[in-house]
Amino acid sequence: MPSPAVPFFSPRGAAFGVDLGVCLQGVVDSGWYVLGPNVREFEQAFARYVGVGHAVGVANGTDALALALRALGIGPGQRVATVANAGCYASTAIAQVGAVPCFVDVDEGSLTLSPDRLRATLRDGPVGAVILTHLYGRMGEASAIAALCRQAGVPLIEDCAQAHGAVRAGRQAGAWGAVACFSFYPTKNLGALGDGGAVLTDDTALAERLRALRQYGWARKYEVALAGGVNSRLDELQAAVLLAKLPRLDAANAERRAIATRYGAAFADLPLACPPLPGEDDVAHLYVVRTPRRAELQAHLAARGIASDVHYPVPDHRQPVRAGQAAPDLPVTEAACAEVLSLPCYPGLTPAQAEQVVGAVRGFFDQARPC
């Protein structure tokens, strides 16, 4: 099958112009491949970038969430408030520690955790933690939700897997809660060449607990002092790549915002729900539109060589693994999952390719308009 004229993601663009071969060769030559100097340097640099005291590199973003829950003492039977429209990653981590997801509906405009619905959930019964997912690159209502968590005495975990570099009121995504979790999967705004993740916190004791938990619960080598430890370590190859790309992240995010702004202007008069024009609190990880004609539009784009994707089609509470369980009332979540469609939006997408996307989307709706 031929490659699409406009792919959904470009590994070349995601390199940010960094010579990745030099990064990898340096690690090979060093002879140190796991939890070495590149990991330490990246952890320090990324913590400074986000504006917190500590970053702990781990194997992937889902591990980051599970380790954050473990480090906070969340375990079997405890309820964790989260959303159901973000790909089941938080739900997977919650299940790994034996806790129970308590699904909360999202805000109609941002599709992130609704403060009003969270307030009602916190009144309804005990909650061990809240996971706020910054979705599609757009920050959720971190200030309001952090305030609700403080009032309830509940720790806030930020899921920043899609929001590297987003800023609101001078404060980065990842600097609002007790702990924050990042993924460095290759398609993320700051992506590695494979899996990778990090847990960030300002709490020194919590950071030390996380460092032990990511490596078997060791207090020192071969001495297990902390229950619940796992093997989840960021390797030197990925850390070297991330360290080289980090200084270029803001420029890459600006490219994404420019593409999203072009789309927003081009689609303003169409019967298509588009995201707000991106400010500094939106790093345009994905450009997600909404239409009840999603399947038709996606087929139209594919026929013209334009790749697209759906993030995410099945809400967590409707996943087959939860068949037979009572479904919560999440009308906004369910409506969004039935309509969302992601268009190409990434560093390296050329102006000509962006115009192809614009022309194809406009052509789909123009052909349906009366003469």
Protein backbone atom coordinates (compact mmCIF):
# COMPACT_ATOMS: atom_id res chain seq x y z
CA MET A 1 0.00 0.00 0.00
CA PRO A 2 1.52 3.40 -0.96
CA SER A 3 2.27 5.91 1.79
CA PRO A 4 -0.28 8.72 2.11
CA ALA A 5 0.62 12.07 0.57
CA VAL A 6 0.05 13.61 4.00
CA PRO A 7 0.99 11.13 6.74
CA PHE A 8 -0.45 11.48 10.22
CA PHE A 9 3.02 11.67 11.80
CA SER A 10 6.54 12.32 10.52
CA PRO A 11 9.56 10.77 12.30
CA ARG A 12 11.78 13.18 10.38
CA GLY A 13 9.94 16.22 11.69
CA ALA A 14 9.88 14.75 15.20
CA ALA A 15 13.69 14.71 15.25
CA PHE A 16 13.66 18.55 15.54
CA GLY A 17 16.79 18.65 13.34
CA VAL A 18 18.87 16.80 15.93
CA ASP A 19 21.50 14.36 14.63
CA LEU A 20 20.14 11.31 16.40
CA GLY A 21 23.00 9.14 15.21
CA VAL A 22 25.45 11.25 17.21
CA CYS A 23 23.29 10.83 20.33
CA LEU A 24 23.13 7.07 19.96
CA GLN A 25 26.79 6.62 19.11
CA GLY A 26 27.77 8.58 22.20
CA VAL A 27 25.83 6.17 24.39
CA VAL A 28 27.27 3.12 22.62
CA ASP A 29 30.78 4.47 23.08
CA SER A 30 30.18 5.17 26.77
CA GLY A 31 29.30 1.55 27.55
CA TRP A 32 26.63 2.67 30.04
CA TYR A 33 23.07 1.91 28.92
CA VAL A 34 20.69 2.10 31.91
CA LEU A 35 20.32 4.83 34.60
CA GLY A 36 23.59 6.50 33.75
CA PRO A 37 24.80 10.08 33.21
CA ASN A 38 22.38 10.88 30.36
CA VAL A 39 19.39 9.90 32.48
CA ARG A 40 20.61 12.00 35.40
CA GLU A 41 21.30 15.01 33.19
CA PHE A 42 17.96 14.74 31.41
CA GLU A 43 16.08 14.37 34.71
CA GLN A 44 17.70 17.56 36.00
CA ALA A 45 17.12 19.48 32.76
CA PHE A 46 13.48 18.41 32.43
CA ALA A 47 12.70 19.22 36.06
CA ARG A 48 14.15 22.72 35.53
CA TYR A 49 12.16 23.14 32.32
CA VAL A 50 8.86 22.24 34.02
CA GLY A 51 9.75 24.20 37.14
CA VAL A 52 9.74 21.48 39.79
CA GLY A 53 12.41 19.98 42.00
CA HIS A 54 12.64 16.42 40.77
CA ALA A 55 12.12 14.25 37.68
CA VAL A 56 12.37 10.47 37.83
CA GLY A 57 12.84 8.72 34.49
CA VAL A 58 10.82 5.54 33.95
CA ALA A 59 10.11 3.12 31.12
CA ASN A 60 6.88 4.65 29.75
CA GLY A 61 4.00 6.95 30.50
CA THR A 62 1.64 4.28 31.84
CA ASP A 63 4.32 3.12 34.28
CA ALA A 64 4.69 6.76 35.32
CA LEU A 65 1.00 6.87 36.26
CA ALA A 66 1.08 3.54 38.09
CA LEU A 67 4.24 4.47 39.99
CA ALA A 68 2.77 7.83 40.95
CA LEU A 69 -0.26 6.05 42.40
CA ARG A 70 1.96 3.57 44.27
CA ALA A 71 4.19 6.32 45.63
CA LEU A 72 1.11 8.14 46.96
CA GLY A 73 -0.04 4.97 48.72
CA ILE A 74 -3.03 4.31 46.46
CA GLY A 75 -3.95 0.63 46.54
CA PRO A 76 -6.68 -1.99 46.32
CA GLY A 77 -10.25 -0.79 46.54
CA GLN A 78 -9.51 2.94 46.62
CA ARG A 79 -11.35 5.14 44.15
CA VAL A 80 -9.36 7.30 41.75
CA ALA A 81 -11.22 10.03 39.88
CA THR A 82 -10.34 10.29 36.19
CA VAL A 83 -11.87 10.84 32.76
CA ALA A 84 -12.98 8.18 30.30
CA ASN A 85 -12.15 9.86 26.97
CA ALA A 86 -8.34 9.71 27.05
CA GLY A 87 -7.41 6.29 25.70
CA CYS A 88 -7.70 4.12 28.83
CA TYR A 89 -4.12 4.85 29.94
CA ALA A 90 -5.05 6.19 33.37
CA SER A 91 -7.58 3.37 33.80
CA THR A 92 -4.86 0.83 33.01
CA ALA A 93 -2.54 2.32 35.65
CA ILE A 94 -5.34 2.43 38.20
CA ALA A 95 -6.08 -1.24 37.59
CA GLN A 96 -2.38 -2.11 37.97
CA VAL A 97 -2.38 -0.92 41.58
CA GLY A 98 -5.73 -2.58 42.35
CA ALA A 99 -7.62 0.69 42.69
CA VAL A 100 -10.99 1.48 41.10
CA PRO A 101 -11.55 4.16 38.45
CA CYS A 102 -14.26 6.66 39.28
CA PHE A 103 -15.12 8.21 35.94
CA VAL A 104 -15.98 11.90 35.83
CA ASP A 105 -17.48 13.65 32.81
CA VAL A 106 -15.57 16.26 30.85
CA ASP A 107 -16.17 19.89 29.97
CA GLU A 108 -17.98 20.39 26.66
CA GLY A 109 -15.52 22.97 25.36
CA SER A 110 -12.13 21.56 26.39
CA LEU A 111 -13.02 17.84 26.69
CA THR A 112 -10.91 17.79 29.87
CA LEU A 113 -11.99 16.98 33.43
CA SER A 114 -14.97 19.11 34.46
CA PRO A 115 -14.38 20.93 37.77
CA ASP A 116 -18.12 21.00 38.47
CA ARG A 117 -18.51 17.27 37.94
CA LEU A 118 -15.38 16.60 39.99
CA ARG A 119 -16.77 18.69 42.85
CA ALA A 120 -19.88 16.51 42.88
CA THR A 121 -17.76 13.34 42.77
CA LEU A 122 -15.66 14.46 45.73
CA ARG A 123 -18.89 15.06 47.69
CA ASP A 124 -20.28 11.63 46.82
CA GLY A 125 -17.69 9.55 48.67
CA PRO A 126 -14.01 9.04 49.48
CA VAL A 127 -11.54 9.44 46.65
CA GLY A 128 -7.88 8.44 47.03
CA ALA A 129 -6.50 10.59 44.20
CA VAL A 130 -7.53 12.64 41.16
CA ILE A 131 -5.89 12.28 37.74
CA LEU A 132 -6.16 15.36 35.56
CA THR A 133 -5.38 14.58 31.92
CA HIS A 134 -4.26 17.51 29.78
CA LEU A 135 -5.79 16.28 26.53
CA TYR A 136 -4.72 16.90 22.91
CA GLY A 137 -2.05 19.35 24.10
CA ARG A 138 -4.61 21.56 25.86
CA MET A 139 -4.25 22.10 29.59
CA GLY A 140 -7.21 21.19 31.75
CA GLU A 141 -8.55 23.51 34.45
CA ALA A 142 -5.51 22.92 36.64
CA SER A 143 -6.00 25.86 39.01
CA ALA A 144 -9.64 25.09 39.82
CA ILE A 145 -9.05 21.35 40.08
CA ALA A 146 -5.95 21.76 42.26
CA ALA A 147 -8.02 23.96 44.58
CA LEU A 148 -10.77 21.33 44.81
CA CYS A 149 -8.17 18.66 45.61
CA ARG A 150 -6.60 20.80 48.34
CA GLN A 151 -10.00 21.43 49.92
CA ALA A 152 -10.77 17.70 49.88
CA GLY A 153 -7.29 16.66 51.06
CA VAL A 154 -6.85 14.54 47.94
CA PRO A 155 -3.58 14.40 45.94
CA LEU A 156 -3.68 15.61 42.35
CA ILE A 157 -1.81 13.68 39.66
CA GLU A 158 -1.33 15.49 36.35
CA ASP A 159 -1.22 13.32 33.22
CA CYS A 160 0.92 15.48 30.94
CA ALA A 161 1.58 12.88 28.24
CA GLN A 162 0.18 15.22 25.57
CA ALA A 163 1.11 18.59 27.05
CA HIS A 164 4.90 18.98 27.14
CA GLY A 165 5.58 22.71 27.31
CA ALA A 166 2.02 23.97 27.86
CA VAL A 167 1.92 26.98 30.20
CA ARG A 168 -0.89 28.76 32.02
CA ALA A 169 -0.43 31.79 34.27
CA GLY A 170 3.33 31.34 33.99
CA ARG A 171 3.17 27.77 35.28
CA GLN A 172 3.94 24.70 33.22
CA ALA A 173 1.74 21.65 32.85
CA GLY A 174 3.25 19.31 35.42
CA ALA A 175 3.79 21.94 38.12
CA TRP A 176 0.25 22.09 39.54
CA GLY A 177 -0.26 18.81 41.38
CA ALA A 178 1.45 16.63 43.96
CA VAL A 179 2.97 14.67 41.10
CA ALA A 180 2.98 14.77 37.29
CA CYS A 181 3.43 12.04 34.70
CA PHE A 182 4.90 12.36 31.22
CA SER A 183 5.22 9.99 28.28
CA PHE A 184 8.01 10.26 25.72
CA TYR A 185 6.46 7.91 23.17
CA PRO A 186 7.79 8.86 19.70
CA THR A 187 4.65 10.77 18.64
CA LYS A 188 4.57 13.00 21.74
CA ASN A 189 5.57 16.66 21.58
CA LEU A 190 8.84 15.59 23.22
CA GLY A 191 9.33 12.07 21.90
CA ALA A 192 12.07 9.47 22.20
CA LEU A 193 13.01 6.74 19.72
CA GLY A 194 10.96 4.24 21.68
CA ASP A 195 9.12 4.14 24.97
CA GLY A 196 10.03 6.40 27.86
CA GLY A 197 8.40 8.35 30.65
CA ALA A 198 9.01 10.43 33.75
CA VAL A 199 7.35 11.29 37.05
CA LEU A 200 7.86 14.83 38.35
CA THR A 201 7.33 16.26 41.82
CA ASP A 202 8.46 19.02 44.17
CA ASP A 203 8.34 16.61 47.12
CA THR A 204 11.84 15.26 47.86
CA ALA A 205 10.62 12.33 49.94
CA LEU A 206 8.14 11.36 47.23
CA ALA A 207 10.89 11.55 44.60
CA GLU A 208 13.10 9.21 46.63
CA ARG A 209 10.20 6.80 46.99
CA LEU A 210 9.66 6.90 43.21
CA ARG A 211 13.35 6.21 42.54
CA ALA A 212 13.17 3.15 44.75
CA LEU A 213 9.88 1.92 43.26
CA ARG A 214 11.14 2.15 39.67
CA GLN A 215 13.95 -0.29 40.53
CA TYR A 216 12.47 -3.20 42.48
CA GLY A 217 11.97 -1.18 45.67
CA TRP A 218 15.70 -1.22 46.34
CA ALA A 219 17.14 0.83 49.20
CA ARG A 220 20.52 -0.20 47.83
CA LYS A 221 21.50 -2.75 45.19
CA TYR A 222 19.86 -6.14 45.80
CA GLU A 223 18.21 -4.94 49.04
CA VAL A 224 14.44 -4.61 48.66
CA ALA A 225 13.11 -2.21 51.27
CA LEU A 226 9.91 -0.96 49.65
CA ALA A 227 6.94 -3.13 48.67
CA GLY A 228 5.41 -2.67 45.22
CA GLY A 229 8.64 -2.05 43.36
CA VAL A 230 8.90 -2.79 39.64
CA ASN A 231 11.48 -2.72 36.87
CA SER A 232 10.74 0.54 35.04
CA ARG A 233 13.82 2.50 34.07
CA LEU A 234 14.48 5.11 31.40
CA ASP A 235 17.45 3.89 29.35
CA GLU A 236 20.46 5.95 28.35
CA LEU A 237 19.69 5.88 24.62
CA GLN A 238 16.29 7.48 25.10
CA ALA A 239 17.61 9.97 27.66
CA ALA A 240 20.38 11.10 25.28
CA VAL A 241 17.83 11.75 22.52
CA LEU A 242 15.45 13.60 24.86
CA LEU A 243 18.27 15.68 26.29
CA ALA A 244 19.31 16.80 22.79
CA LYS A 245 15.72 17.59 21.73
CA LEU A 246 14.55 19.40 24.88
CA PRO A 247 16.08 22.81 23.99
CA ARG A 248 14.14 22.73 20.70
CA LEU A 249 10.78 21.75 22.19
CA ASP A 250 9.34 25.26 22.39
CA ALA A 251 10.14 25.96 18.74
CA ALA A 252 8.54 22.66 17.72
CA ASN A 253 5.44 23.52 19.76
CA ALA A 254 5.28 26.87 17.94
CA GLU A 255 5.18 24.97 14.63
CA ARG A 256 2.27 22.90 15.88
CA ARG A 257 0.39 26.02 17.03
CA ALA A 258 0.91 27.67 13.64
CA ILE A 259 -0.62 24.69 11.85
CA ALA A 260 -3.55 24.58 14.27
CA THR A 261 -4.11 28.32 13.77
CA ARG A 262 -4.13 27.87 9.98
CA TYR A 263 -6.70 25.09 10.25
CA GLY A 264 -8.86 27.11 12.62
CA ALA A 265 -8.99 30.06 10.22
CA ALA A 266 -9.72 27.83 7.23
CA PHE A 267 -12.53 25.87 8.89
CA ALA A 268 -14.25 28.73 10.72
CA ASP A 269 -17.24 28.84 8.38
CA LEU A 270 -17.75 25.07 8.13
CA PRO A 271 -20.27 22.95 10.04
CA LEU A 272 -17.36 21.46 11.96
CA ALA A 273 -16.58 21.84 15.66
CA CYS A 274 -12.95 22.99 15.90
CA PRO A 275 -10.74 23.54 18.95
CA PRO A 276 -10.13 27.09 20.13
CA LEU A 277 -7.17 28.87 18.57
CA PRO A 278 -4.15 27.74 20.61
CA GLY A 279 -2.61 29.98 23.23
CA GLU A 280 0.44 29.17 25.32
CA ASP A 281 -1.62 26.67 27.35
CA ASP A 282 -2.22 24.55 24.23
CA VAL A 283 0.74 22.89 22.49
CA ALA A 284 -1.44 21.38 19.74
CA HIS A 285 -0.35 17.80 20.29
CA LEU A 286 -3.36 16.80 18.21
CA TYR A 287 -5.72 18.88 16.08
CA VAL A 288 -9.08 17.33 16.89
CA VAL A 289 -12.32 18.33 15.19
CA ARG A 290 -15.81 17.02 15.87
CA THR A 291 -18.48 16.00 13.37
CA PRO A 292 -21.35 13.49 13.38
CA ARG A 293 -20.14 12.61 9.85
CA ARG A 294 -16.77 11.39 11.08
CA ALA A 295 -16.66 8.13 9.12
CA GLU A 296 -17.59 9.90 5.88
CA LEU A 297 -15.03 12.65 6.38
CA GLN A 298 -12.29 10.17 7.26
CA ALA A 299 -13.02 8.12 4.15
CA HIS A 300 -13.02 11.29 2.02
CA LEU A 301 -9.60 12.28 3.40
CA ALA A 302 -8.15 8.80 2.90
CA ALA A 303 -9.28 8.79 -0.73
CA ARG A 304 -7.22 11.94 -1.21
CA GLY A 305 -4.10 10.58 0.44
CA ILE A 306 -4.56 12.30 3.81
CA ALA A 307 -4.14 10.21 6.94
CA SER A 308 -6.26 10.83 10.02
CA ASP A 309 -7.01 9.04 13.30
CA VAL A 310 -9.55 8.92 16.11
CA HIS A 311 -8.46 9.86 19.64
CA TYR A 312 -10.37 8.05 21.12
CA PRO A 313 -13.31 6.06 19.76
CA VAL A 314 -14.23 3.91 22.78
CA PRO A 315 -14.61 5.55 26.20
CA ASP A 316 -13.01 3.66 29.07
CA HIS A 317 -16.31 2.66 30.68
CA ARG A 318 -17.48 1.09 27.37
CA GLN A 319 -14.34 -0.99 26.82
CA PRO A 320 -14.97 -4.75 26.37
CA VAL A 321 -13.00 -5.48 29.53
CA ARG A 322 -15.73 -3.69 31.51
CA ALA A 323 -18.64 -5.52 29.86
CA GLY A 324 -21.40 -6.26 32.34
CA GLN A 325 -20.41 -3.48 34.72
CA ALA A 326 -22.74 -0.59 35.42
CA ALA A 327 -21.92 2.36 33.16
CA PRO A 328 -21.66 5.82 34.71
CA ASP A 329 -23.60 8.76 33.29
CA LEU A 330 -21.08 10.53 31.03
CA PRO A 331 -23.09 12.21 28.24
CA VAL A 332 -20.41 14.69 27.13
CA THR A 333 -17.74 11.98 27.04
CA GLU A 334 -19.88 9.61 25.00
CA ALA A 335 -20.92 12.28 22.50
CA ALA A 336 -17.30 13.37 21.99
CA CYS A 337 -16.00 9.83 21.48
CA ALA A 338 -18.57 9.35 18.71
CA GLU A 339 -17.48 12.47 16.82
CA VAL A 340 -13.78 13.30 17.33
CA LEU A 341 -11.35 13.10 14.40
CA SER A 342 -7.65 14.03 14.48
CA LEU A 343 -6.04 15.75 11.49
CA PRO A 344 -2.28 15.85 10.72
CA CYS A 345 -0.53 18.42 12.94
CA TYR A 346 3.17 18.06 13.71
CA PRO A 347 6.59 19.68 13.20
CA GLY A 348 7.73 19.14 9.64
CA LEU A 349 4.25 19.24 8.10
CA THR A 350 4.89 21.50 5.12
CA PRO A 351 2.68 24.46 4.18
CA ALA A 352 1.75 22.59 1.00
CA GLN A 353 0.68 19.53 2.98
CA ALA A 354 -1.34 21.69 5.37
CA GLU A 355 -3.09 23.25 2.37
CA GLN A 356 -3.89 19.76 1.08
CA VAL A 357 -5.60 19.02 4.38
CA VAL A 358 -7.47 22.31 4.26
CA GLY A 359 -8.59 21.75 0.68
CA ALA A 360 -9.76 18.22 1.34
CA VAL A 361 -11.75 19.12 4.46
CA ARG A 362 -13.34 22.12 2.79
CA GLY A 363 -14.08 20.05 -0.31
CA PHE A 364 -15.96 17.50 1.79
CA PHE A 365 -18.33 20.10 3.20
CA ASP A 366 -18.56 22.21 0.04
CA GLN A 367 -19.80 19.26 -1.98
CA ALA A 368 -22.72 18.92 0.41
CA ARG A 369 -23.78 22.56 0.16
CA PRO A 370 -26.67 23.52 -2.08
CA CYS A 371 -25.76 25.33 -5.30
